[in-house]
Amino acid sequence: MEIPVLMFLSSQDKVVDIQTSLETAERNFLDRQIVLYKDRKGPRVPHHLMAPSVSPVAKDVENRMKKFISAH
């Protein structure tokens, strides 16, 4: 049985290397959904996609997680 994986990445992230993260997910998970937020305006932040105070996509992340959990 494959475990479903939902991964969020942002080009604004100061911590994660996007290419390495994508390659690792593709190598290790067959049932994966990857959401890549590209070219967002605003300051680069250290890995806080869910913090509304610094992330313009926080609500979208929350909604996608709820949908993913409901589907699995």
N, C-alpha and C. Protein backbone atom coordinates (compact mmCIF):
# COMPACT_ATOMS: atom_id res chain seq x y z
N MET A 1 0.83 -1.18 0.00
CA MET A 1 0.00 0.00 0.00
C MET A 1 0.88 1.25 0.00
N GLU A 2 0.60 2.15 -0.90
CA GLU A 2 1.33 3.41 -0.97
C GLU A 2 0.67 4.43 -0.04
N ILE A 3 1.49 5.17 0.62
CA ILE A 3 1.00 6.23 1.50
C ILE A 3 0.93 7.51 0.69
N PRO A 4 -0.24 8.15 0.66
CA PRO A 4 -0.35 9.40 -0.10
C PRO A 4 0.42 10.53 0.59
N VAL A 5 1.07 11.35 -0.21
CA VAL A 5 1.89 12.43 0.30
C VAL A 5 1.48 13.74 -0.37
N LEU A 6 1.32 14.77 0.42
CA LEU A 6 1.05 16.11 -0.08
C LEU A 6 2.22 16.98 0.34
N MET A 7 2.89 17.59 -0.63
CA MET A 7 4.07 18.41 -0.34
C MET A 7 3.84 19.82 -0.87
N PHE A 8 4.15 20.80 -0.04
CA PHE A 8 4.08 22.19 -0.45
C PHE A 8 5.49 22.76 -0.52
N LEU A 9 5.78 23.46 -1.61
CA LEU A 9 7.07 24.12 -1.77
C LEU A 9 6.83 25.54 -2.25
N SER A 10 7.74 26.42 -1.90
CA SER A 10 7.62 27.81 -2.32
C SER A 10 8.98 28.34 -2.78
N SER A 11 8.96 29.07 -3.88
CA SER A 11 10.19 29.68 -4.36
C SER A 11 10.66 30.78 -3.42
N GLN A 12 9.81 31.19 -2.49
CA GLN A 12 10.16 32.22 -1.51
C GLN A 12 10.87 31.63 -0.28
N ASP A 13 10.93 30.32 -0.19
CA ASP A 13 11.52 29.66 0.97
C ASP A 13 13.03 29.86 1.01
N LYS A 14 13.55 30.26 2.14
CA LYS A 14 15.00 30.46 2.32
C LYS A 14 15.72 29.18 2.74
N VAL A 15 14.98 28.16 3.13
CA VAL A 15 15.57 26.98 3.74
C VAL A 15 15.68 25.80 2.77
N VAL A 16 14.66 25.56 2.00
CA VAL A 16 14.56 24.36 1.17
C VAL A 16 15.14 24.58 -0.22
N ASP A 17 15.86 23.59 -0.71
CA ASP A 17 16.29 23.60 -2.09
C ASP A 17 15.19 22.91 -2.91
N ILE A 18 14.53 23.66 -3.76
CA ILE A 18 13.37 23.16 -4.48
C ILE A 18 13.70 21.92 -5.32
N GLN A 19 14.75 21.97 -6.09
CA GLN A 19 15.09 20.85 -6.97
C GLN A 19 15.37 19.57 -6.18
N THR A 20 16.11 19.69 -5.11
CA THR A 20 16.40 18.52 -4.27
C THR A 20 15.12 17.96 -3.67
N SER A 21 14.24 18.83 -3.21
CA SER A 21 12.98 18.39 -2.63
C SER A 21 12.12 17.66 -3.65
N LEU A 22 12.03 18.20 -4.85
CA LEU A 22 11.25 17.55 -5.91
C LEU A 22 11.84 16.18 -6.26
N GLU A 23 13.14 16.12 -6.42
CA GLU A 23 13.79 14.84 -6.76
C GLU A 23 13.60 13.81 -5.66
N THR A 24 13.71 14.22 -4.42
CA THR A 24 13.53 13.31 -3.30
C THR A 24 12.11 12.78 -3.24
N ALA A 25 11.13 13.65 -3.42
CA ALA A 25 9.73 13.23 -3.40
C ALA A 25 9.45 12.27 -4.55
N GLU A 26 9.95 12.58 -5.74
CA GLU A 26 9.72 11.72 -6.89
C GLU A 26 10.38 10.36 -6.73
N ARG A 27 11.51 10.33 -6.09
CA ARG A 27 12.24 9.08 -5.88
C ARG A 27 11.59 8.21 -4.80
N ASN A 28 10.99 8.82 -3.80
CA ASN A 28 10.55 8.06 -2.63
C ASN A 28 9.04 7.85 -2.49
N PHE A 29 8.24 8.58 -3.24
CA PHE A 29 6.79 8.48 -3.08
C PHE A 29 6.11 8.32 -4.43
N LEU A 30 5.33 7.25 -4.57
CA LEU A 30 4.60 7.03 -5.81
C LEU A 30 3.29 7.80 -5.84
N ASP A 31 2.62 7.85 -4.71
CA ASP A 31 1.32 8.54 -4.62
C ASP A 31 1.57 9.91 -4.00
N ARG A 32 1.94 10.87 -4.83
CA ARG A 32 2.31 12.18 -4.32
C ARG A 32 1.59 13.30 -5.06
N GLN A 33 1.33 14.35 -4.32
CA GLN A 33 0.83 15.59 -4.90
C GLN A 33 1.79 16.68 -4.43
N ILE A 34 2.30 17.42 -5.39
CA ILE A 34 3.25 18.47 -5.06
C ILE A 34 2.67 19.81 -5.51
N VAL A 35 2.61 20.73 -4.57
CA VAL A 35 2.13 22.08 -4.86
C VAL A 35 3.33 23.01 -4.77
N LEU A 36 3.66 23.65 -5.88
CA LEU A 36 4.79 24.57 -5.92
C LEU A 36 4.28 25.99 -6.14
N TYR A 37 4.48 26.82 -5.15
CA TYR A 37 4.11 28.23 -5.27
C TYR A 37 5.32 28.96 -5.82
N LYS A 38 5.16 29.52 -7.03
CA LYS A 38 6.28 30.18 -7.70
C LYS A 38 6.13 31.70 -7.67
N ASP A 39 7.25 32.36 -7.65
CA ASP A 39 7.33 33.80 -7.88
C ASP A 39 6.29 34.62 -7.12
N ARG A 40 6.16 34.37 -5.85
CA ARG A 40 5.26 35.16 -5.01
C ARG A 40 5.93 36.47 -4.63
N LYS A 41 5.14 37.49 -4.53
CA LYS A 41 5.67 38.78 -4.11
C LYS A 41 5.80 38.80 -2.60
N GLY A 42 6.61 39.70 -2.13
CA GLY A 42 6.81 39.82 -0.69
C GLY A 42 8.16 39.29 -0.28
N PRO A 43 8.47 39.42 0.99
CA PRO A 43 9.79 39.01 1.47
C PRO A 43 9.94 37.49 1.46
N ARG A 44 11.16 37.04 1.25
CA ARG A 44 11.43 35.60 1.37
C ARG A 44 11.38 35.25 2.85
N VAL A 45 10.76 34.14 3.15
CA VAL A 45 10.58 33.74 4.55
C VAL A 45 11.17 32.36 4.78
N PRO A 46 11.57 32.07 6.01
CA PRO A 46 12.16 30.77 6.31
C PRO A 46 11.13 29.68 6.57
N HIS A 47 10.47 29.23 5.50
CA HIS A 47 9.72 27.99 5.58
C HIS A 47 8.41 28.09 6.37
N HIS A 48 7.66 29.16 6.21
CA HIS A 48 6.42 29.33 6.98
C HIS A 48 5.22 29.53 6.06
N LEU A 49 4.91 28.57 5.24
CA LEU A 49 3.79 28.69 4.31
C LEU A 49 2.44 28.79 5.02
N MET A 50 2.33 28.28 6.23
CA MET A 50 1.04 28.27 6.92
C MET A 50 0.83 29.45 7.86
N ALA A 51 1.79 30.32 7.97
CA ALA A 51 1.66 31.47 8.87
C ALA A 51 1.08 32.65 8.11
N PRO A 52 -0.17 32.99 8.34
CA PRO A 52 -0.80 34.09 7.60
C PRO A 52 -0.06 35.42 7.73
N SER A 53 0.67 35.60 8.80
CA SER A 53 1.38 36.86 8.99
C SER A 53 2.52 37.06 8.00
N VAL A 54 3.04 35.98 7.43
CA VAL A 54 4.15 36.09 6.48
C VAL A 54 3.89 35.39 5.15
N SER A 55 2.80 34.66 5.04
CA SER A 55 2.55 33.88 3.83
C SER A 55 1.23 34.26 3.17
N PRO A 56 1.30 34.79 1.94
CA PRO A 56 0.07 35.12 1.23
C PRO A 56 -0.70 33.88 0.76
N VAL A 57 -0.10 32.70 0.87
CA VAL A 57 -0.77 31.47 0.42
C VAL A 57 -1.25 30.61 1.59
N ALA A 58 -1.22 31.12 2.79
CA ALA A 58 -1.57 30.33 3.98
C ALA A 58 -2.98 29.73 3.88
N LYS A 59 -3.94 30.50 3.44
CA LYS A 59 -5.32 29.99 3.36
C LYS A 59 -5.44 28.91 2.27
N ASP A 60 -4.71 29.09 1.17
CA ASP A 60 -4.73 28.09 0.12
C ASP A 60 -4.11 26.78 0.61
N VAL A 61 -3.03 26.87 1.36
CA VAL A 61 -2.40 25.69 1.93
C VAL A 61 -3.40 24.96 2.83
N GLU A 62 -4.06 25.71 3.69
CA GLU A 62 -5.05 25.11 4.60
C GLU A 62 -6.16 24.42 3.81
N ASN A 63 -6.69 25.08 2.79
CA ASN A 63 -7.78 24.49 2.00
C ASN A 63 -7.33 23.24 1.26
N ARG A 64 -6.14 23.26 0.69
CA ARG A 64 -5.63 22.08 -0.03
C ARG A 64 -5.39 20.91 0.92
N MET A 65 -4.90 21.21 2.12
CA MET A 65 -4.68 20.14 3.10
C MET A 65 -6.01 19.49 3.50
N LYS A 66 -7.01 20.31 3.75
CA LYS A 66 -8.32 19.77 4.12
C LYS A 66 -8.88 18.89 3.01
N LYS A 67 -8.75 19.34 1.78
CA LYS A 67 -9.24 18.57 0.63
C LYS A 67 -8.48 17.25 0.49
N PHE A 68 -7.15 17.30 0.67
CA PHE A 68 -6.32 16.11 0.56
C PHE A 68 -6.69 15.09 1.65
N ILE A 69 -6.83 15.57 2.87
CA ILE A 69 -7.18 14.68 3.99
C ILE A 69 -8.56 14.07 3.77
N SER A 70 -9.51 14.86 3.31
CA SER A 70 -10.85 14.35 3.05
C SER A 70 -10.87 13.29 1.95
N ALA A 71 -9.99 13.46 0.98
CA ALA A 71 -9.94 12.53 -0.15
C ALA A 71 -9.26 11.20 0.20
N HIS A 72 -8.49 11.21 1.28
CA HIS A 72 -7.75 10.00 1.63
C HIS A 72 -8.23 9.47 2.97
